[in-house]
Amino acid sequence: SVDVLAMFLSIIKVVIVPIALGFVINHFFGKFTTKVKEALPL
């Protein structure tokens, strides 16, 4: 038995929302995020 709702909410919370937020910030504040990207591998 797999909890469909729990899995759906998990993928939304852990993957979609954070990536979408980063994507939007990168789109509107590209100059700022260019500097931040250097620290991402760390």
PDB file of all heavy atoms in Angstrom:
ATOM      1  N   SER A   1       0.837  -1.193   0.000  1.00  0.00           N
ATOM      2  CA  SER A   1       0.000   0.000   0.000  1.00  0.00           C
ATOM      3  C   SER A   1       0.876   1.248   0.000  1.00  0.00           C
ATOM      4  O   SER A   1       1.799   1.368   0.796  1.00  0.00           O
ATOM      5  CB  SER A   1      -0.898   0.007   1.246  1.00  0.00           C
ATOM      6  OG  SER A   1      -1.653   1.193   1.294  1.00  0.00           O
ATOM      7  N   VAL A   2       0.595   2.146  -0.934  1.00  0.00           N
ATOM      8  CA  VAL A   2       1.367   3.382  -1.038  1.00  0.00           C
ATOM      9  C   VAL A   2       0.427   4.572  -0.836  1.00  0.00           C
ATOM     10  O   VAL A   2      -0.630   4.646  -1.450  1.00  0.00           O
ATOM     11  CB  VAL A   2       2.054   3.494  -2.422  1.00  0.00           C
ATOM     12  CG1 VAL A   2       2.870   4.771  -2.502  1.00  0.00           C
ATOM     13  CG2 VAL A   2       2.940   2.279  -2.668  1.00  0.00           C
ATOM     14  N   ASP A   3       0.826   5.494   0.029  1.00  0.00           N
ATOM     15  CA  ASP A   3       0.019   6.682   0.304  1.00  0.00           C
ATOM     16  C   ASP A   3       0.199   7.679  -0.842  1.00  0.00           C
ATOM     17  O   ASP A   3       1.197   8.397  -0.914  1.00  0.00           O
ATOM     18  CB  ASP A   3       0.460   7.303   1.628  1.00  0.00           C
ATOM     19  CG  ASP A   3      -0.482   8.403   2.096  1.00  0.00           C
ATOM     20  OD1 ASP A   3      -1.137   9.033   1.228  1.00  0.00           O
ATOM     21  OD2 ASP A   3      -0.566   8.636   3.310  1.00  0.00           O
ATOM     22  N   VAL A   4      -0.779   7.717  -1.742  1.00  0.00           N
ATOM     23  CA  VAL A   4      -0.697   8.561  -2.935  1.00  0.00           C
ATOM     24  C   VAL A   4      -0.560  10.034  -2.567  1.00  0.00           C
ATOM     25  O   VAL A   4       0.310  10.747  -3.084  1.00  0.00           O
ATOM     26  CB  VAL A   4      -1.947   8.370  -3.822  1.00  0.00           C
ATOM     27  CG1 VAL A   4      -1.872   9.261  -5.054  1.00  0.00           C
ATOM     28  CG2 VAL A   4      -2.072   6.912  -4.238  1.00  0.00           C
ATOM     29  N   LEU A   5      -1.399  10.506  -1.677  1.00  0.00           N
ATOM     30  CA  LEU A   5      -1.403  11.921  -1.302  1.00  0.00           C
ATOM     31  C   LEU A   5      -0.078  12.328  -0.655  1.00  0.00           C
ATOM     32  O   LEU A   5       0.483  13.385  -0.965  1.00  0.00           O
ATOM     33  CB  LEU A   5      -2.564  12.217  -0.360  1.00  0.00           C
ATOM     34  CG  LEU A   5      -2.699  13.684   0.093  1.00  0.00           C
ATOM     35  CD1 LEU A   5      -2.897  14.600  -1.107  1.00  0.00           C
ATOM     36  CD2 LEU A   5      -3.850  13.829   1.085  1.00  0.00           C
ATOM     37  N   ALA A   6       0.432  11.474   0.226  1.00  0.00           N
ATOM     38  CA  ALA A   6       1.690  11.780   0.918  1.00  0.00           C
ATOM     39  C   ALA A   6       2.847  11.888  -0.067  1.00  0.00           C
ATOM     40  O   ALA A   6       3.691  12.787   0.040  1.00  0.00           O
ATOM     41  CB  ALA A   6       1.985  10.714   1.968  1.00  0.00           C
ATOM     42  N   MET A   7       2.882  10.969  -1.037  1.00  0.00           N
ATOM     43  CA  MET A   7       3.952  11.007  -2.036  1.00  0.00           C
ATOM     44  C   MET A   7       3.840  12.249  -2.903  1.00  0.00           C
ATOM     45  O   MET A   7       4.842  12.898  -3.227  1.00  0.00           O
ATOM     46  CB  MET A   7       3.910   9.751  -2.914  1.00  0.00           C
ATOM     47  CG  MET A   7       4.426   8.502  -2.223  1.00  0.00           C
ATOM     48  SD  MET A   7       4.538   7.102  -3.352  1.00  0.00           S
ATOM     49  CE  MET A   7       5.855   7.644  -4.430  1.00  0.00           C
ATOM     50  N   PHE A   8       2.620  12.584  -3.270  1.00  0.00           N
ATOM     51  CA  PHE A   8       2.400  13.757  -4.120  1.00  0.00           C
ATOM     52  C   PHE A   8       2.832  15.035  -3.394  1.00  0.00           C
ATOM     53  O   PHE A   8       3.544  15.878  -3.954  1.00  0.00           O
ATOM     54  CB  PHE A   8       0.922  13.840  -4.513  1.00  0.00           C
ATOM     55  CG  PHE A   8       0.589  15.038  -5.362  1.00  0.00           C
ATOM     56  CD1 PHE A   8       0.916  15.061  -6.709  1.00  0.00           C
ATOM     57  CD2 PHE A   8      -0.036  16.146  -4.814  1.00  0.00           C
ATOM     58  CE1 PHE A   8       0.614  16.162  -7.493  1.00  0.00           C
ATOM     59  CE2 PHE A   8      -0.339  17.257  -5.583  1.00  0.00           C
ATOM     60  CZ  PHE A   8      -0.006  17.256  -6.939  1.00  0.00           C
ATOM     61  N   LEU A   9       2.413  15.166  -2.140  1.00  0.00           N
ATOM     62  CA  LEU A   9       2.768  16.349  -1.357  1.00  0.00           C
ATOM     63  C   LEU A   9       4.276  16.418  -1.112  1.00  0.00           C
ATOM     64  O   LEU A   9       4.862  17.504  -1.085  1.00  0.00           O
ATOM     65  CB  LEU A   9       2.019  16.340  -0.019  1.00  0.00           C
ATOM     66  CG  LEU A   9       0.494  16.525  -0.103  1.00  0.00           C
ATOM     67  CD1 LEU A   9      -0.131  16.425   1.284  1.00  0.00           C
ATOM     68  CD2 LEU A   9       0.160  17.870  -0.747  1.00  0.00           C
ATOM     69  N   SER A  10       4.899  15.248  -0.942  1.00  0.00           N
ATOM     70  CA  SER A  10       6.341  15.206  -0.703  1.00  0.00           C
ATOM     71  C   SER A  10       7.117  15.733  -1.898  1.00  0.00           C
ATOM     72  O   SER A  10       8.049  16.535  -1.746  1.00  0.00           O
ATOM     73  CB  SER A  10       6.773  13.771  -0.386  1.00  0.00           C
ATOM     74  OG  SER A  10       8.172  13.698  -0.224  1.00  0.00           O
ATOM     75  N   ILE A  11       6.757  15.288  -3.101  1.00  0.00           N
ATOM     76  CA  ILE A  11       7.476  15.728  -4.309  1.00  0.00           C
ATOM     77  C   ILE A  11       7.246  17.218  -4.543  1.00  0.00           C
ATOM     78  O   ILE A  11       8.142  17.941  -4.989  1.00  0.00           O
ATOM     79  CB  ILE A  11       7.063  14.899  -5.545  1.00  0.00           C
ATOM     80  CG1 ILE A  11       8.024  15.174  -6.717  1.00  0.00           C
ATOM     81  CG2 ILE A  11       5.651  15.187  -5.980  1.00  0.00           C
ATOM     82  CD1 ILE A  11       9.400  14.683  -6.523  1.00  0.00           C
ATOM     83  N   ILE A  12       6.041  17.705  -4.219  1.00  0.00           N
ATOM     84  CA  ILE A  12       5.754  19.130  -4.370  1.00  0.00           C
ATOM     85  C   ILE A  12       6.602  19.949  -3.398  1.00  0.00           C
ATOM     86  O   ILE A  12       7.239  20.947  -3.774  1.00  0.00           O
ATOM     87  CB  ILE A  12       4.255  19.417  -4.126  1.00  0.00           C
ATOM     88  CG1 ILE A  12       3.391  18.766  -5.214  1.00  0.00           C
ATOM     89  CG2 ILE A  12       4.013  20.926  -4.077  1.00  0.00           C
ATOM     90  CD1 ILE A  12       3.603  19.330  -6.598  1.00  0.00           C
ATOM     91  N   LYS A  13       6.632  19.497  -2.132  1.00  0.00           N
ATOM     92  CA  LYS A  13       7.333  20.244  -1.087  1.00  0.00           C
ATOM     93  C   LYS A  13       8.847  20.200  -1.236  1.00  0.00           C
ATOM     94  O   LYS A  13       9.523  21.234  -1.136  1.00  0.00           O
ATOM     95  CB  LYS A  13       6.940  19.682   0.285  1.00  0.00           C
ATOM     96  CG  LYS A  13       7.615  20.381   1.458  1.00  0.00           C
ATOM     97  CD  LYS A  13       7.162  19.805   2.777  1.00  0.00           C
ATOM     98  CE  LYS A  13       7.764  18.433   3.037  1.00  0.00           C
ATOM     99  NZ  LYS A  13       7.460  17.920   4.397  1.00  0.00           N
ATOM    100  N   VAL A  14       9.387  19.026  -1.488  1.00  0.00           N
ATOM    101  CA  VAL A  14      10.840  18.840  -1.476  1.00  0.00           C
ATOM    102  C   VAL A  14      11.493  19.231  -2.802  1.00  0.00           C
ATOM    103  O   VAL A  14      12.615  19.723  -2.817  1.00  0.00           O
ATOM    104  CB  VAL A  14      11.200  17.378  -1.124  1.00  0.00           C
ATOM    105  CG1 VAL A  14      12.711  17.161  -1.157  1.00  0.00           C
ATOM    106  CG2 VAL A  14      10.654  17.027   0.247  1.00  0.00           C
ATOM    107  N   VAL A  15      10.779  19.025  -3.915  1.00  0.00           N
ATOM    108  CA  VAL A  15      11.404  19.244  -5.230  1.00  0.00           C
ATOM    109  C   VAL A  15      10.838  20.468  -5.953  1.00  0.00           C
ATOM    110  O   VAL A  15      11.567  21.413  -6.276  1.00  0.00           O
ATOM    111  CB  VAL A  15      11.237  17.989  -6.129  1.00  0.00           C
ATOM    112  CG1 VAL A  15      11.866  18.234  -7.492  1.00  0.00           C
ATOM    113  CG2 VAL A  15      11.873  16.778  -5.483  1.00  0.00           C
ATOM    114  N   ILE A  16       9.545  20.448  -6.223  1.00  0.00           N
ATOM    115  CA  ILE A  16       8.950  21.452  -7.109  1.00  0.00           C
ATOM    116  C   ILE A  16       9.010  22.873  -6.539  1.00  0.00           C
ATOM    117  O   ILE A  16       9.473  23.807  -7.202  1.00  0.00           O
ATOM    118  CB  ILE A  16       7.491  21.087  -7.451  1.00  0.00           C
ATOM    119  CG1 ILE A  16       7.429  19.684  -8.084  1.00  0.00           C
ATOM    120  CG2 ILE A  16       6.895  22.132  -8.396  1.00  0.00           C
ATOM    121  CD1 ILE A  16       8.220  19.548  -9.355  1.00  0.00           C
ATOM    122  N   VAL A  17       8.549  23.040  -5.293  1.00  0.00           N
ATOM    123  CA  VAL A  17       8.490  24.384  -4.702  1.00  0.00           C
ATOM    124  C   VAL A  17       9.874  25.026  -4.565  1.00  0.00           C
ATOM    125  O   VAL A  17      10.069  26.177  -5.001  1.00  0.00           O
ATOM    126  CB  VAL A  17       7.757  24.353  -3.337  1.00  0.00           C
ATOM    127  CG1 VAL A  17       7.899  25.700  -2.626  1.00  0.00           C
ATOM    128  CG2 VAL A  17       6.290  24.019  -3.536  1.00  0.00           C
ATOM    129  N   PRO A  18      10.879  24.345  -3.980  1.00  0.00           N
ATOM    130  CA  PRO A  18      12.201  24.979  -3.867  1.00  0.00           C
ATOM    131  C   PRO A  18      12.824  25.321  -5.226  1.00  0.00           C
ATOM    132  O   PRO A  18      13.420  26.394  -5.381  1.00  0.00           O
ATOM    133  CB  PRO A  18      13.042  23.919  -3.138  1.00  0.00           C
ATOM    134  CG  PRO A  18      12.062  23.069  -2.430  1.00  0.00           C
ATOM    135  CD  PRO A  18      10.861  23.021  -3.310  1.00  0.00           C
ATOM    136  N   ILE A  19      12.693  24.418  -6.199  1.00  0.00           N
ATOM    137  CA  ILE A  19      13.256  24.690  -7.524  1.00  0.00           C
ATOM    138  C   ILE A  19      12.526  25.856  -8.178  1.00  0.00           C
ATOM    139  O   ILE A  19      13.159  26.737  -8.786  1.00  0.00           O
ATOM    140  CB  ILE A  19      13.192  23.434  -8.413  1.00  0.00           C
ATOM    141  CG1 ILE A  19      14.247  22.432  -7.967  1.00  0.00           C
ATOM    142  CG2 ILE A  19      13.398  23.787  -9.887  1.00  0.00           C
ATOM    143  CD1 ILE A  19      14.300  21.167  -8.781  1.00  0.00           C
ATOM    144  N   ALA A  20      11.206  25.879  -8.068  1.00  0.00           N
ATOM    145  CA  ALA A  20      10.423  26.969  -8.658  1.00  0.00           C
ATOM    146  C   ALA A  20      10.798  28.305  -8.030  1.00  0.00           C
ATOM    147  O   ALA A  20      10.937  29.322  -8.727  1.00  0.00           O
ATOM    148  CB  ALA A  20       8.931  26.701  -8.469  1.00  0.00           C
ATOM    149  N   LEU A  21      11.018  28.318  -6.716  1.00  0.00           N
ATOM    150  CA  LEU A  21      11.401  29.545  -6.024  1.00  0.00           C
ATOM    151  C   LEU A  21      12.772  30.034  -6.508  1.00  0.00           C
ATOM    152  O   LEU A  21      12.953  31.226  -6.803  1.00  0.00           O
ATOM    153  CB  LEU A  21      11.426  29.304  -4.512  1.00  0.00           C
ATOM    154  CG  LEU A  21      11.726  30.516  -3.627  1.00  0.00           C
ATOM    155  CD1 LEU A  21      10.688  31.613  -3.837  1.00  0.00           C
ATOM    156  CD2 LEU A  21      11.755  30.097  -2.149  1.00  0.00           C
ATOM    157  N   GLY A  22      13.726  29.089  -6.608  1.00  0.00           N
ATOM    158  CA  GLY A  22      15.045  29.446  -7.104  1.00  0.00           C
ATOM    159  C   GLY A  22      14.999  29.924  -8.542  1.00  0.00           C
ATOM    160  O   GLY A  22      15.687  30.877  -8.933  1.00  0.00           O
ATOM    161  N   PHE A  23      14.175  29.267  -9.331  1.00  0.00           N
ATOM    162  CA  PHE A  23      14.000  29.610 -10.744  1.00  0.00           C
ATOM    163  C   PHE A  23      13.475  31.047 -10.896  1.00  0.00           C
ATOM    164  O   PHE A  23      13.978  31.829 -11.701  1.00  0.00           O
ATOM    165  CB  PHE A  23      13.026  28.607 -11.368  1.00  0.00           C
ATOM    166  CG  PHE A  23      12.637  28.894 -12.784  1.00  0.00           C
ATOM    167  CD1 PHE A  23      13.473  28.539 -13.837  1.00  0.00           C
ATOM    168  CD2 PHE A  23      11.425  29.505 -13.085  1.00  0.00           C
ATOM    169  CE1 PHE A  23      13.109  28.797 -15.150  1.00  0.00           C
ATOM    170  CE2 PHE A  23      11.057  29.763 -14.388  1.00  0.00           C
ATOM    171  CZ  PHE A  23      11.903  29.409 -15.426  1.00  0.00           C
ATOM    172  N   VAL A  24      12.473  31.403 -10.090  1.00  0.00           N
ATOM    173  CA  VAL A  24      11.869  32.745 -10.151  1.00  0.00           C
ATOM    174  C   VAL A  24      12.875  33.804  -9.714  1.00  0.00           C
ATOM    175  O   VAL A  24      13.016  34.862 -10.351  1.00  0.00           O
ATOM    176  CB  VAL A  24      10.600  32.809  -9.265  1.00  0.00           C
ATOM    177  CG1 VAL A  24      10.117  34.246  -9.134  1.00  0.00           C
ATOM    178  CG2 VAL A  24       9.508  31.932  -9.861  1.00  0.00           C
ATOM    179  N   ILE A  25      13.585  33.530  -8.619  1.00  0.00           N
ATOM    180  CA  ILE A  25      14.583  34.491  -8.127  1.00  0.00           C
ATOM    181  C   ILE A  25      15.693  34.692  -9.160  1.00  0.00           C
ATOM    182  O   ILE A  25      16.146  35.819  -9.397  1.00  0.00           O
ATOM    183  CB  ILE A  25      15.176  34.009  -6.789  1.00  0.00           C
ATOM    184  CG1 ILE A  25      14.099  34.093  -5.693  1.00  0.00           C
ATOM    185  CG2 ILE A  25      16.398  34.842  -6.400  1.00  0.00           C
ATOM    186  CD1 ILE A  25      14.526  33.549  -4.353  1.00  0.00           C
ATOM    187  N   ASN A  26      16.125  33.602  -9.790  1.00  0.00           N
ATOM    188  CA  ASN A  26      17.159  33.695 -10.820  1.00  0.00           C
ATOM    189  C   ASN A  26      16.684  34.533 -12.010  1.00  0.00           C
ATOM    190  O   ASN A  26      17.452  35.288 -12.609  1.00  0.00           O
ATOM    191  CB  ASN A  26      17.555  32.293 -11.288  1.00  0.00           C
ATOM    192  CG  ASN A  26      18.699  32.313 -12.286  1.00  0.00           C
ATOM    193  OD1 ASN A  26      19.665  33.055 -12.120  1.00  0.00           O
ATOM    194  ND2 ASN A  26      18.590  31.516 -13.328  1.00  0.00           N
ATOM    195  N   HIS A  27      15.402  34.400 -12.320  1.00  0.00           N
ATOM    196  CA  HIS A  27      14.843  35.115 -13.471  1.00  0.00           C
ATOM    197  C   HIS A  27      14.793  36.630 -13.227  1.00  0.00           C
ATOM    198  O   HIS A  27      15.104  37.426 -14.118  1.00  0.00           O
ATOM    199  CB  HIS A  27      13.433  34.595 -13.766  1.00  0.00           C
ATOM    200  CG  HIS A  27      12.781  35.247 -14.949  1.00  0.00           C
ATOM    201  ND1 HIS A  27      13.196  35.032 -16.247  1.00  0.00           N
ATOM    202  CD2 HIS A  27      11.747  36.134 -15.026  1.00  0.00           C
ATOM    203  CE1 HIS A  27      12.453  35.740 -17.072  1.00  0.00           C
ATOM    204  NE2 HIS A  27      11.566  36.417 -16.354  1.00  0.00           N
ATOM    205  N   PHE A  28      14.424  37.022 -12.006  1.00  0.00           N
ATOM    206  CA  PHE A  28      14.249  38.449 -11.718  1.00  0.00           C
ATOM    207  C   PHE A  28      15.492  39.114 -11.098  1.00  0.00           C
ATOM    208  O   PHE A  28      15.627  40.338 -11.145  1.00  0.00           O
ATOM    209  CB  PHE A  28      13.050  38.652 -10.787  1.00  0.00           C
ATOM    210  CG  PHE A  28      11.729  38.388 -11.441  1.00  0.00           C
ATOM    211  CD1 PHE A  28      11.035  37.210 -11.196  1.00  0.00           C
ATOM    212  CD2 PHE A  28      11.181  39.306 -12.329  1.00  0.00           C
ATOM    213  CE1 PHE A  28       9.812  36.957 -11.815  1.00  0.00           C
ATOM    214  CE2 PHE A  28       9.962  39.066 -12.946  1.00  0.00           C
ATOM    215  CZ  PHE A  28       9.273  37.883 -12.693  1.00  0.00           C
ATOM    216  N   PHE A  29      16.367  38.300 -10.504  1.00  0.00           N
ATOM    217  CA  PHE A  29      17.565  38.863  -9.860  1.00  0.00           C
ATOM    218  C   PHE A  29      18.817  38.146 -10.352  1.00  0.00           C
ATOM    219  O   PHE A  29      19.643  37.674  -9.559  1.00  0.00           O
ATOM    220  CB  PHE A  29      17.448  38.748  -8.334  1.00  0.00           C
ATOM    221  CG  PHE A  29      16.214  39.391  -7.768  1.00  0.00           C
ATOM    222  CD1 PHE A  29      15.097  38.614  -7.468  1.00  0.00           C
ATOM    223  CD2 PHE A  29      16.159  40.759  -7.552  1.00  0.00           C
ATOM    224  CE1 PHE A  29      13.943  39.196  -6.948  1.00  0.00           C
ATOM    225  CE2 PHE A  29      15.012  41.351  -7.027  1.00  0.00           C
ATOM    226  CZ  PHE A  29      13.900  40.574  -6.733  1.00  0.00           C
ATOM    227  N   GLY A  30      18.941  38.039 -11.668  1.00  0.00           N
ATOM    228  CA  GLY A  30      20.025  37.296 -12.297  1.00  0.00           C
ATOM    229  C   GLY A  30      21.421  37.750 -11.896  1.00  0.00           C
ATOM    230  O   GLY A  30      22.317  36.926 -11.696  1.00  0.00           O
ATOM    231  N   LYS A  31      21.631  39.059 -11.744  1.00  0.00           N
ATOM    232  CA  LYS A  31      22.964  39.578 -11.396  1.00  0.00           C
ATOM    233  C   LYS A  31      23.384  39.124 -10.003  1.00  0.00           C
ATOM    234  O   LYS A  31      24.543  38.802  -9.750  1.00  0.00           O
ATOM    235  CB  LYS A  31      22.958  41.106 -11.470  1.00  0.00           C
ATOM    236  CG  LYS A  31      22.815  41.647 -12.890  1.00  0.00           C
ATOM    237  CD  LYS A  31      22.878  43.172 -12.900  1.00  0.00           C
ATOM    238  CE  LYS A  31      22.751  43.709 -14.325  1.00  0.00           C
ATOM    239  NZ  LYS A  31      22.805  45.198 -14.367  1.00  0.00           N
ATOM    240  N   PHE A  32      22.419  39.097  -9.092  1.00  0.00           N
ATOM    241  CA  PHE A  32      22.707  38.658  -7.718  1.00  0.00           C
ATOM    242  C   PHE A  32      23.005  37.159  -7.664  1.00  0.00           C
ATOM    243  O   PHE A  32      23.957  36.720  -7.019  1.00  0.00           O
ATOM    244  CB  PHE A  32      21.528  38.994  -6.808  1.00  0.00           C
ATOM    245  CG  PHE A  32      21.614  38.376  -5.444  1.00  0.00           C
ATOM    246  CD1 PHE A  32      22.497  38.872  -4.495  1.00  0.00           C
ATOM    247  CD2 PHE A  32      20.821  37.284  -5.115  1.00  0.00           C
ATOM    248  CE1 PHE A  32      22.594  38.289  -3.238  1.00  0.00           C
ATOM    249  CE2 PHE A  32      20.907  36.693  -3.870  1.00  0.00           C
ATOM    250  CZ  PHE A  32      21.791  37.207  -2.926  1.00  0.00           C
ATOM    251  N   THR A  33      22.181  36.370  -8.354  1.00  0.00           N
ATOM    252  CA  THR A  33      22.341  34.918  -8.294  1.00  0.00           C
ATOM    253  C   THR A  33      23.614  34.442  -8.975  1.00  0.00           C
ATOM    254  O   THR A  33      24.127  33.375  -8.664  1.00  0.00           O
ATOM    255  CB  THR A  33      21.128  34.204  -8.938  1.00  0.00           C
ATOM    256  OG1 THR A  33      20.974  34.652 -10.284  1.00  0.00           O
ATOM    257  CG2 THR A  33      19.859  34.489  -8.161  1.00  0.00           C
ATOM    258  N   THR A  34      24.150  35.231  -9.907  1.00  0.00           N
ATOM    259  CA  THR A  34      25.405  34.862 -10.568  1.00  0.00           C
ATOM    260  C   THR A  34      26.525  34.719  -9.549  1.00  0.00           C
ATOM    261  O   THR A  34      27.363  33.809  -9.639  1.00  0.00           O
ATOM    262  CB  THR A  34      25.803  35.920 -11.625  1.00  0.00           C
ATOM    263  OG1 THR A  34      24.781  35.989 -12.614  1.00  0.00           O
ATOM    264  CG2 THR A  34      27.121  35.540 -12.293  1.00  0.00           C
ATOM    265  N   LYS A  35      26.541  35.604  -8.552  1.00  0.00           N
ATOM    266  CA  LYS A  35      27.562  35.540  -7.505  1.00  0.00           C
ATOM    267  C   LYS A  35      27.294  34.384  -6.537  1.00  0.00           C
ATOM    268  O   LYS A  35      28.217  33.714  -6.084  1.00  0.00           O
ATOM    269  CB  LYS A  35      27.593  36.862  -6.741  1.00  0.00           C
ATOM    270  CG  LYS A  35      27.968  38.068  -7.605  1.00  0.00           C
ATOM    271  CD  LYS A  35      27.952  39.349  -6.791  1.00  0.00           C
ATOM    272  CE  LYS A  35      28.308  40.552  -7.668  1.00  0.00           C
ATOM    273  NZ  LYS A  35      28.276  41.827  -6.892  1.00  0.00           N
ATOM    274  N   VAL A  36      26.019  34.164  -6.231  1.00  0.00           N
ATOM    275  CA  VAL A  36      25.645  33.114  -5.286  1.00  0.00           C
ATOM    276  C   VAL A  36      25.966  31.729  -5.835  1.00  0.00           C
ATOM    277  O   VAL A  36      26.325  30.816  -5.074  1.00  0.00           O
ATOM    278  CB  VAL A  36      24.138  33.210  -4.949  1.00  0.00           C
ATOM    279  CG1 VAL A  36      23.692  32.050  -4.061  1.00  0.00           C
ATOM    280  CG2 VAL A  36      23.836  34.539  -4.274  1.00  0.00           C
ATOM    281  N   LYS A  37      25.857  31.564  -7.145  1.00  0.00           N
ATOM    282  CA  LYS A  37      26.053  30.252  -7.769  1.00  0.00           C
ATOM    283  C   LYS A  37      27.424  29.654  -7.478  1.00  0.00           C
ATOM    284  O   LYS A  37      27.587  28.445  -7.492  1.00  0.00           O
ATOM    285  CB  LYS A  37      25.860  30.360  -9.287  1.00  0.00           C
ATOM    286  CG  LYS A  37      24.421  30.571  -9.716  1.00  0.00           C
ATOM    287  CD  LYS A  37      24.322  30.792 -11.213  1.00  0.00           C
ATOM    288  CE  LYS A  37      22.901  31.163 -11.634  1.00  0.00           C
ATOM    289  NZ  LYS A  37      22.811  31.462 -13.084  1.00  0.00           N
ATOM    290  N   GLU A  38      28.411  30.513  -7.212  1.00  0.00           N
ATOM    291  CA  GLU A  38      29.760  30.028  -6.945  1.00  0.00           C
ATOM    292  C   GLU A  38      29.822  29.165  -5.683  1.00  0.00           C
ATOM    293  O   GLU A  38      30.685  28.300  -5.554  1.00  0.00           O
ATOM    294  CB  GLU A  38      30.729  31.207  -6.813  1.00  0.00           C
ATOM    295  CG  GLU A  38      30.913  32.010  -8.100  1.00  0.00           C
ATOM    296  CD  GLU A  38      31.878  33.158  -7.936  1.00  0.00           C
ATOM    297  OE1 GLU A  38      32.330  33.382  -6.782  1.00  0.00           O
ATOM    298  OE2 GLU A  38      32.197  33.827  -8.940  1.00  0.00           O
ATOM    299  N   ALA A  39      28.889  29.399  -4.756  1.00  0.00           N
ATOM    300  CA  ALA A  39      28.891  28.662  -3.493  1.00  0.00           C
ATOM    301  C   ALA A  39      28.022  27.404  -3.543  1.00  0.00           C
ATOM    302  O   ALA A  39      28.049  26.603  -2.604  1.00  0.00           O
ATOM    303  CB  ALA A  39      28.404  29.567  -2.363  1.00  0.00           C
ATOM    304  N   LEU A  40      27.270  27.202  -4.617  1.00  0.00           N
ATOM    305  CA  LEU A  40      26.310  26.094  -4.669  1.00  0.00           C
ATOM    306  C   LEU A  40      26.951  24.712  -4.557  1.00  0.00           C
ATOM    307  O   LEU A  40      26.414  23.847  -3.851  1.00  0.00           O
ATOM    308  CB  LEU A  40      25.465  26.191  -5.946  1.00  0.00           C
ATOM    309  CG  LEU A  40      24.535  27.409  -6.006  1.00  0.00           C
ATOM    310  CD1 LEU A  40      23.713  27.384  -7.286  1.00  0.00           C
ATOM    311  CD2 LEU A  40      23.625  27.465  -4.789  1.00  0.00           C
ATOM    312  N   PRO A  41      28.078  24.432  -5.238  1.00  0.00           N
ATOM    313  CA  PRO A  41      28.695  23.112  -5.057  1.00  0.00           C
ATOM    314  C   PRO A  41      29.064  22.839  -3.603  1.00  0.00           C
ATOM    315  O   PRO A  41      28.900  21.718  -3.114  1.00  0.00           O
ATOM    316  CB  PRO A  41      29.947  23.182  -5.948  1.00  0.00           C
ATOM    317  CG  PRO A  41      29.595  24.180  -6.996  1.00  0.00           C
ATOM    318  CD  PRO A  41      28.769  25.218  -6.281  1.00  0.00           C
ATOM    319  N   LEU A  42      29.533  23.857  -2.895  1.00  0.00           N
ATOM    320  CA  LEU A  42      29.883  23.716  -1.479  1.00  0.00           C
ATOM    321  C   LEU A  42      28.649  23.358  -0.661  1.00  0.00           C
ATOM    322  O   LEU A  42      28.686  22.454   0.185  1.00  0.00           O
ATOM    323  CB  LEU A  42      30.495  25.026  -0.969  1.00  0.00           C
ATOM    324  CG  LEU A  42      30.826  25.088   0.529  1.00  0.00           C
ATOM    325  CD1 LEU A  42      31.844  24.036   0.890  1.00  0.00           C
ATOM    326  CD2 LEU A  42      31.339  26.488   0.893  1.00  0.00           C
TER     327      LEU A  42
END
